[in-house]
Amino acid sequence: MPAIVGPVAINSVGGGVLNFGDSFYISPKSASKTSAGSGALNTGNFIITNNGLSATNTIDPDVNDQDIVGNS
């Protein structure tokens, strides 16, 4: 549905999608990867994590997980 958008001032966008009017398909413009060891990303009030030995494999043989080339 067409939209009429008045004056807009955007001071900063710290991630996410900013969309005005119609859109059929919105895709991400950035991609990231996080590697963390055992028990590293736990959240909560009372966490007890018992880890004997933790090793995180950060080897990525396929290199590209989510291509953003040509997605402008």
C-alpha atoms as a PDB file:
ATOM      1  CA  MET A   1       0.000   0.000   0.000  1.00  0.00           C
ATOM      2  CA  PRO A   2       1.507   3.386  -0.915  1.00  0.00           C
ATOM      3  CA  ALA A   3       2.614   5.596   1.943  1.00  0.00           C
ATOM      4  CA  ILE A   4       3.131   9.327   2.179  1.00  0.00           C
ATOM      5  CA  VAL A   5       6.066  10.087   4.432  1.00  0.00           C
ATOM      6  CA  GLY A   6       6.663  13.609   5.703  1.00  0.00           C
ATOM      7  CA  PRO A   7       9.948  15.163   6.843  1.00  0.00           C
ATOM      8  CA  VAL A   8      12.209  12.641   8.571  1.00  0.00           C
ATOM      9  CA  ALA A   9      15.456  13.224  10.490  1.00  0.00           C
ATOM     10  CA  ILE A  10      17.505  10.113  11.281  1.00  0.00           C
ATOM     11  CA  ASN A  11      20.406  10.844  13.619  1.00  0.00           C
ATOM     12  CA  SER A  12      21.829   7.340  13.777  1.00  0.00           C
ATOM     13  CA  VAL A  13      20.914   3.749  13.033  1.00  0.00           C
ATOM     14  CA  GLY A  14      22.761   1.171  15.107  1.00  0.00           C
ATOM     15  CA  GLY A  15      21.613  -1.965  13.338  1.00  0.00           C
ATOM     16  CA  GLY A  16      18.279  -3.251  12.183  1.00  0.00           C
ATOM     17  CA  VAL A  17      16.231  -2.282   9.157  1.00  0.00           C
ATOM     18  CA  LEU A  18      14.795   1.121   8.373  1.00  0.00           C
ATOM     19  CA  ASN A  19      11.960   0.905   5.862  1.00  0.00           C
ATOM     20  CA  PHE A  20       9.636   3.506   4.370  1.00  0.00           C
ATOM     21  CA  GLY A  21       6.721   2.566   2.137  1.00  0.00           C
ATOM     22  CA  ASP A  22       6.232  -0.726   0.352  1.00  0.00           C
ATOM     23  CA  SER A  23       8.727  -3.561   0.461  1.00  0.00           C
ATOM     24  CA  PHE A  24       8.569  -6.996  -1.075  1.00  0.00           C
ATOM     25  CA  TYR A  25      11.815  -8.409   0.262  1.00  0.00           C
ATOM     26  CA  ILE A  26      14.190  -7.037   2.901  1.00  0.00           C
ATOM     27  CA  SER A  27      17.550  -8.733   3.367  1.00  0.00           C
ATOM     28  CA  PRO A  28      20.434  -8.037   5.768  1.00  0.00           C
ATOM     29  CA  LYS A  29      23.281  -5.762   4.751  1.00  0.00           C
ATOM     30  CA  SER A  30      25.772  -7.132   7.259  1.00  0.00           C
ATOM     31  CA  ALA A  31      26.743 -10.513   8.659  1.00  0.00           C
ATOM     32  CA  SER A  32      28.832 -11.583  11.632  1.00  0.00           C
ATOM     33  CA  LYS A  33      29.973 -14.750  13.361  1.00  0.00           C
ATOM     34  CA  THR A  34      30.639 -15.402  17.040  1.00  0.00           C
ATOM     35  CA  SER A  35      32.741 -18.196  18.495  1.00  0.00           C
ATOM     36  CA  ALA A  36      32.480 -18.891  22.214  1.00  0.00           C
ATOM     37  CA  GLY A  37      33.572 -21.694  24.481  1.00  0.00           C
ATOM     38  CA  SER A  38      31.525 -23.899  26.725  1.00  0.00           C
ATOM     39  CA  GLY A  39      29.315 -21.870  29.070  1.00  0.00           C
ATOM     40  CA  ALA A  40      30.451 -18.495  27.686  1.00  0.00           C
ATOM     41  CA  LEU A  41      27.097 -17.133  26.493  1.00  0.00           C
ATOM     42  CA  ASN A  42      24.923 -18.093  29.456  1.00  0.00           C
ATOM     43  CA  THR A  43      22.602 -15.408  30.823  1.00  0.00           C
ATOM     44  CA  GLY A  44      20.543 -15.330  33.982  1.00  0.00           C
ATOM     45  CA  ASN A  45      20.604 -14.533  37.674  1.00  0.00           C
ATOM     46  CA  PHE A  46      22.131 -17.671  39.196  1.00  0.00           C
ATOM     47  CA  ILE A  47      24.341 -19.634  36.816  1.00  0.00           C
ATOM     48  CA  ILE A  48      26.583 -22.500  37.801  1.00  0.00           C
ATOM     49  CA  THR A  49      28.685 -23.814  34.932  1.00  0.00           C
ATOM     50  CA  ASN A  50      31.068 -26.735  35.452  1.00  0.00           C
ATOM     51  CA  ASN A  51      33.387 -27.313  32.507  1.00  0.00           C
ATOM     52  CA  GLY A  52      36.274 -29.726  32.645  1.00  0.00           C
ATOM     53  CA  LEU A  53      37.928 -28.931  29.336  1.00  0.00           C
ATOM     54  CA  SER A  54      36.637 -26.501  26.743  1.00  0.00           C
ATOM     55  CA  ALA A  55      37.986 -26.018  23.225  1.00  0.00           C
ATOM     56  CA  THR A  56      36.286 -23.986  20.516  1.00  0.00           C
ATOM     57  CA  ASN A  57      36.975 -24.833  16.885  1.00  0.00           C
ATOM     58  CA  THR A  58      37.115 -21.598  14.901  1.00  0.00           C
ATOM     59  CA  ILE A  59      38.208 -23.170  11.618  1.00  0.00           C
ATOM     60  CA  ASP A  60      35.756 -22.268   8.840  1.00  0.00           C
ATOM     61  CA  PRO A  61      36.507 -24.322   5.710  1.00  0.00           C
ATOM     62  CA  ASP A  62      33.725 -22.819   3.541  1.00  0.00           C
ATOM     63  CA  VAL A  63      34.833 -19.209   4.368  1.00  0.00           C
ATOM     64  CA  ASN A  64      31.567 -17.533   3.251  1.00  0.00           C
ATOM     65  CA  ASP A  65      28.456 -18.263   5.299  1.00  0.00           C
ATOM     66  CA  GLN A  66      26.156 -15.441   4.229  1.00  0.00           C
ATOM     67  CA  ASP A  67      27.177 -13.505   1.138  1.00  0.00           C
ATOM     68  CA  ILE A  68      26.092  -9.874   1.014  1.00  0.00           C
ATOM     69  CA  VAL A  69      27.777  -8.999  -2.293  1.00  0.00           C
ATOM     70  CA  GLY A  70      25.380  -7.558  -4.862  1.00  0.00           C
ATOM     71  CA  ASN A  71      22.751  -6.980  -2.219  1.00  0.00           C
ATOM     72  CA  SER A  72      22.522  -3.209  -2.352  1.00  0.00           C
END
